[in-house]
Amino acid sequence: MATKTSAFLDTSALFAAVWSEIGGARAILALGEARTVELLISSQVLTEIEGALTRKAPAALGPLTILLDAARVRITPPPDGERLATARGLVSHAGDALVLASALEAGPDYFVILDRKHFVDNEPLVAAVPFGVVTPGRFLENVRRSLV
């Protein structure tokens, strides 16, 4: 049996999934719930999403917990020093580097993020990491192609 496609979700993608019941990010959680894909986040992403929702939409904290549980989202171990150093060489923002290092540690097939400027369209970063760096929509296109 083939292994499931895995996706590491950045805070931006996870926020979009919680914020809107429609759209690509929420569809990714539905794929996790259907056990079609394996979804991963880091403790840093969890802390960031909880903070963002507390500030912007505190009523969404309960649905976040339900969505993460239903989608069987797995929290990954913290990154090692080598991966953190690699990530710091690819992105300048400390929080972004920690999340990227966590993705490097987890080794997913895809890193799903909405930040085009610093990640998706950052050609040196995309070339340097061993996984696809994609938006939710592009991730869904790739999964759809693999299922056909």
C-alpha atoms as a PDB file:
ATOM      1  CA  MET A   1       0.000   0.000   0.000  1.00  0.00           C
ATOM      2  CA  ALA A   2       1.338   3.435  -0.941  1.00  0.00           C
ATOM      3  CA  THR A   3       2.067   5.892   1.825  1.00  0.00           C
ATOM      4  CA  LYS A   4      -0.206   8.863   2.289  1.00  0.00           C
ATOM      5  CA  THR A   5       0.787  12.253   1.039  1.00  0.00           C
ATOM      6  CA  SER A   6       1.855  14.397   3.990  1.00  0.00           C
ATOM      7  CA  ALA A   7       1.496  18.129   4.416  1.00  0.00           C
ATOM      8  CA  PHE A   8       2.989  20.422   7.028  1.00  0.00           C
ATOM      9  CA  LEU A   9       0.605  23.350   7.552  1.00  0.00           C
ATOM     10  CA  ASP A  10       1.909  26.821   8.311  1.00  0.00           C
ATOM     11  CA  THR A  11      -0.055  29.125  10.603  1.00  0.00           C
ATOM     12  CA  SER A  12      -1.430  31.100   7.652  1.00  0.00           C
ATOM     13  CA  ALA A  13      -2.926  28.011   6.020  1.00  0.00           C
ATOM     14  CA  LEU A  14      -4.320  26.756   9.310  1.00  0.00           C
ATOM     15  CA  PHE A  15      -5.831  30.163  10.086  1.00  0.00           C
ATOM     16  CA  ALA A  16      -7.521  30.208   6.663  1.00  0.00           C
ATOM     17  CA  ALA A  17      -8.914  26.724   7.329  1.00  0.00           C
ATOM     18  CA  VAL A  18     -10.433  27.783  10.634  1.00  0.00           C
ATOM     19  CA  TRP A  19     -11.592  31.195   9.456  1.00  0.00           C
ATOM     20  CA  SER A  20     -13.516  30.045   6.383  1.00  0.00           C
ATOM     21  CA  GLU A  21     -15.697  26.976   5.986  1.00  0.00           C
ATOM     22  CA  ILE A  22     -15.050  27.049   2.250  1.00  0.00           C
ATOM     23  CA  GLY A  23     -11.794  27.203   0.363  1.00  0.00           C
ATOM     24  CA  GLY A  24      -8.690  25.176  -0.155  1.00  0.00           C
ATOM     25  CA  ALA A  25      -7.341  25.284   3.365  1.00  0.00           C
ATOM     26  CA  ARG A  26     -10.556  23.877   4.867  1.00  0.00           C
ATOM     27  CA  ALA A  27     -10.639  21.225   2.121  1.00  0.00           C
ATOM     28  CA  ILE A  28      -7.174  20.103   3.246  1.00  0.00           C
ATOM     29  CA  LEU A  29      -8.510  19.513   6.760  1.00  0.00           C
ATOM     30  CA  ALA A  30     -11.376  17.519   5.231  1.00  0.00           C
ATOM     31  CA  LEU A  31      -8.808  15.327   3.454  1.00  0.00           C
ATOM     32  CA  GLY A  32      -7.127  14.750   6.800  1.00  0.00           C
ATOM     33  CA  GLU A  33     -10.455  13.808   8.323  1.00  0.00           C
ATOM     34  CA  ALA A  34     -11.041  11.364   5.458  1.00  0.00           C
ATOM     35  CA  ARG A  35      -7.551   9.959   6.123  1.00  0.00           C
ATOM     36  CA  THR A  36      -6.540  10.720   2.552  1.00  0.00           C
ATOM     37  CA  VAL A  37      -3.566  12.833   3.631  1.00  0.00           C
ATOM     38  CA  GLU A  38      -1.454  13.085   6.767  1.00  0.00           C
ATOM     39  CA  LEU A  39      -1.443  16.573   8.279  1.00  0.00           C
ATOM     40  CA  LEU A  40       1.354  17.935  10.438  1.00  0.00           C
ATOM     41  CA  ILE A  41       1.926  21.115  12.439  1.00  0.00           C
ATOM     42  CA  SER A  42       4.553  22.160  14.957  1.00  0.00           C
ATOM     43  CA  SER A  43       4.028  23.370  18.489  1.00  0.00           C
ATOM     44  CA  GLN A  44       5.106  26.801  17.177  1.00  0.00           C
ATOM     45  CA  VAL A  45       2.263  26.771  14.632  1.00  0.00           C
ATOM     46  CA  LEU A  46      -0.176  25.737  17.357  1.00  0.00           C
ATOM     47  CA  THR A  47       0.991  28.586  19.601  1.00  0.00           C
ATOM     48  CA  GLU A  48       0.789  31.080  16.735  1.00  0.00           C
ATOM     49  CA  ILE A  49      -2.719  30.018  15.646  1.00  0.00           C
ATOM     50  CA  GLU A  50      -4.022  30.116  19.209  1.00  0.00           C
ATOM     51  CA  GLY A  51      -2.598  33.629  19.642  1.00  0.00           C
ATOM     52  CA  ALA A  52      -4.016  34.869  16.347  1.00  0.00           C
ATOM     53  CA  LEU A  53      -7.457  33.467  17.086  1.00  0.00           C
ATOM     54  CA  THR A  54      -7.416  34.839  20.634  1.00  0.00           C
ATOM     55  CA  ARG A  55      -6.772  38.314  19.202  1.00  0.00           C
ATOM     56  CA  LYS A  56      -8.991  38.171  16.107  1.00  0.00           C
ATOM     57  CA  ALA A  57     -11.684  35.557  16.676  1.00  0.00           C
ATOM     58  CA  PRO A  58     -11.738  34.062  20.183  1.00  0.00           C
ATOM     59  CA  ALA A  59     -14.936  32.162  19.432  1.00  0.00           C
ATOM     60  CA  ALA A  60     -12.972  30.141  16.853  1.00  0.00           C
ATOM     61  CA  LEU A  61     -10.712  28.516  19.473  1.00  0.00           C
ATOM     62  CA  GLY A  62     -13.255  25.761  20.149  1.00  0.00           C
ATOM     63  CA  PRO A  63     -13.753  24.967  16.457  1.00  0.00           C
ATOM     64  CA  LEU A  64      -9.945  24.924  16.032  1.00  0.00           C
ATOM     65  CA  THR A  65      -9.675  22.108  18.559  1.00  0.00           C
ATOM     66  CA  ILE A  66     -12.491  20.172  16.911  1.00  0.00           C
ATOM     67  CA  LEU A  67     -11.029  20.639  13.414  1.00  0.00           C
ATOM     68  CA  LEU A  68      -7.525  19.584  14.471  1.00  0.00           C
ATOM     69  CA  ASP A  69      -8.870  16.487  16.198  1.00  0.00           C
ATOM     70  CA  ALA A  70     -11.211  15.510  13.355  1.00  0.00           C
ATOM     71  CA  ALA A  71      -8.454  15.979  10.766  1.00  0.00           C
ATOM     72  CA  ARG A  72      -6.051  13.941  12.909  1.00  0.00           C
ATOM     73  CA  VAL A  73      -3.431  16.689  12.748  1.00  0.00           C
ATOM     74  CA  ARG A  74      -0.194  15.514  14.321  1.00  0.00           C
ATOM     75  CA  ILE A  75       2.114  17.838  16.225  1.00  0.00           C
ATOM     76  CA  THR A  76       5.698  17.219  15.213  1.00  0.00           C
ATOM     77  CA  PRO A  77       8.779  17.165  17.465  1.00  0.00           C
ATOM     78  CA  PRO A  78      10.890  20.318  17.712  1.00  0.00           C
ATOM     79  CA  PRO A  79      13.634  20.754  15.132  1.00  0.00           C
ATOM     80  CA  ASP A  80      17.254  20.010  15.845  1.00  0.00           C
ATOM     81  CA  GLY A  81      19.974  22.661  15.723  1.00  0.00           C
ATOM     82  CA  GLU A  82      21.146  21.725  12.239  1.00  0.00           C
ATOM     83  CA  ARG A  83      17.690  22.151  10.730  1.00  0.00           C
ATOM     84  CA  LEU A  84      17.199  25.426  12.574  1.00  0.00           C
ATOM     85  CA  ALA A  85      20.511  26.724  11.210  1.00  0.00           C
ATOM     86  CA  THR A  86      19.504  25.677   7.688  1.00  0.00           C
ATOM     87  CA  ALA A  87      16.149  27.422   8.020  1.00  0.00           C
ATOM     88  CA  ARG A  88      17.755  30.595   9.384  1.00  0.00           C
ATOM     89  CA  GLY A  89      19.879  30.693   6.246  1.00  0.00           C
ATOM     90  CA  LEU A  90      16.764  30.594   4.079  1.00  0.00           C
ATOM     91  CA  VAL A  91      14.416  33.045   5.836  1.00  0.00           C
ATOM     92  CA  SER A  92      15.186  36.103   7.914  1.00  0.00           C
ATOM     93  CA  HIS A  93      12.239  36.211  10.330  1.00  0.00           C
ATOM     94  CA  ALA A  94      12.949  34.131  13.456  1.00  0.00           C
ATOM     95  CA  GLY A  95       9.392  32.764  13.732  1.00  0.00           C
ATOM     96  CA  ASP A  96       9.357  31.774  10.063  1.00  0.00           C
ATOM     97  CA  ALA A  97      12.720  30.059  10.485  1.00  0.00           C
ATOM     98  CA  LEU A  98      11.443  28.022  13.432  1.00  0.00           C
ATOM     99  CA  VAL A  99       8.365  26.874  11.512  1.00  0.00           C
ATOM    100  CA  LEU A 100      10.447  26.051   8.426  1.00  0.00           C
ATOM    101  CA  ALA A 101      12.937  24.141  10.603  1.00  0.00           C
ATOM    102  CA  SER A 102      10.040  22.171  12.080  1.00  0.00           C
ATOM    103  CA  ALA A 103       8.878  21.297   8.582  1.00  0.00           C
ATOM    104  CA  LEU A 104      12.412  20.205   7.684  1.00  0.00           C
ATOM    105  CA  GLU A 105      12.468  18.028  10.813  1.00  0.00           C
ATOM    106  CA  ALA A 106       9.079  16.480   9.996  1.00  0.00           C
ATOM    107  CA  GLY A 107      10.004  15.685   6.383  1.00  0.00           C
ATOM    108  CA  PRO A 108       6.586  16.134   4.724  1.00  0.00           C
ATOM    109  CA  ASP A 109       5.855  15.897   1.027  1.00  0.00           C
ATOM    110  CA  TYR A 110       4.542  19.478   1.073  1.00  0.00           C
ATOM    111  CA  PHE A 111       4.819  22.649   3.143  1.00  0.00           C
ATOM    112  CA  VAL A 112       1.469  24.440   2.774  1.00  0.00           C
ATOM    113  CA  ILE A 113       1.568  28.201   3.293  1.00  0.00           C
ATOM    114  CA  LEU A 114      -0.117  31.340   2.002  1.00  0.00           C
ATOM    115  CA  ASP A 115       3.014  33.533   2.111  1.00  0.00           C
ATOM    116  CA  ARG A 116       3.994  33.753  -1.544  1.00  0.00           C
ATOM    117  CA  LYS A 117       6.674  36.451  -1.221  1.00  0.00           C
ATOM    118  CA  HIS A 118       8.841  34.826   1.441  1.00  0.00           C
ATOM    119  CA  PHE A 119       8.114  31.157   0.677  1.00  0.00           C
ATOM    120  CA  VAL A 120       6.129  29.996  -2.368  1.00  0.00           C
ATOM    121  CA  ASP A 121       7.776  32.394  -4.851  1.00  0.00           C
ATOM    122  CA  ASN A 122      11.183  32.367  -3.117  1.00  0.00           C
ATOM    123  CA  GLU A 123      13.090  30.298  -5.679  1.00  0.00           C
ATOM    124  CA  PRO A 124      16.281  29.786  -3.615  1.00  0.00           C
ATOM    125  CA  LEU A 125      14.217  28.506  -0.671  1.00  0.00           C
ATOM    126  CA  VAL A 126      12.064  26.261  -2.863  1.00  0.00           C
ATOM    127  CA  ALA A 127      15.196  24.783  -4.471  1.00  0.00           C
ATOM    128  CA  ALA A 128      16.852  24.198  -1.090  1.00  0.00           C
ATOM    129  CA  VAL A 129      14.128  22.217   0.673  1.00  0.00           C
ATOM    130  CA  PRO A 130      13.239  18.556   0.033  1.00  0.00           C
ATOM    131  CA  PHE A 131       9.472  19.162  -0.199  1.00  0.00           C
ATOM    132  CA  GLY A 132       7.062  21.191  -2.254  1.00  0.00           C
ATOM    133  CA  VAL A 133       6.333  24.696  -0.959  1.00  0.00           C
ATOM    134  CA  VAL A 134       2.781  25.374  -2.062  1.00  0.00           C
ATOM    135  CA  THR A 135      -0.439  27.259  -1.444  1.00  0.00           C
ATOM    136  CA  PRO A 136      -3.503  25.290  -0.311  1.00  0.00           C
ATOM    137  CA  GLY A 137      -4.917  25.421  -3.839  1.00  0.00           C
ATOM    138  CA  ARG A 138      -1.751  24.038  -5.415  1.00  0.00           C
ATOM    139  CA  PHE A 139      -1.572  21.302  -2.782  1.00  0.00           C
ATOM    140  CA  LEU A 140      -5.127  20.245  -3.634  1.00  0.00           C
ATOM    141  CA  GLU A 141      -4.305  20.214  -7.356  1.00  0.00           C
ATOM    142  CA  ASN A 142      -1.322  17.944  -6.693  1.00  0.00           C
ATOM    143  CA  VAL A 143      -3.335  15.587  -4.480  1.00  0.00           C
ATOM    144  CA  ARG A 144      -6.161  15.460  -7.026  1.00  0.00           C
ATOM    145  CA  ARG A 145      -3.678  14.496  -9.769  1.00  0.00           C
ATOM    146  CA  SER A 146      -2.196  11.744  -7.598  1.00  0.00           C
ATOM    147  CA  LEU A 147      -5.639  10.237  -6.944  1.00  0.00           C
ATOM    148  CA  VAL A 148      -6.688  10.063 -10.577  1.00  0.00           C
END
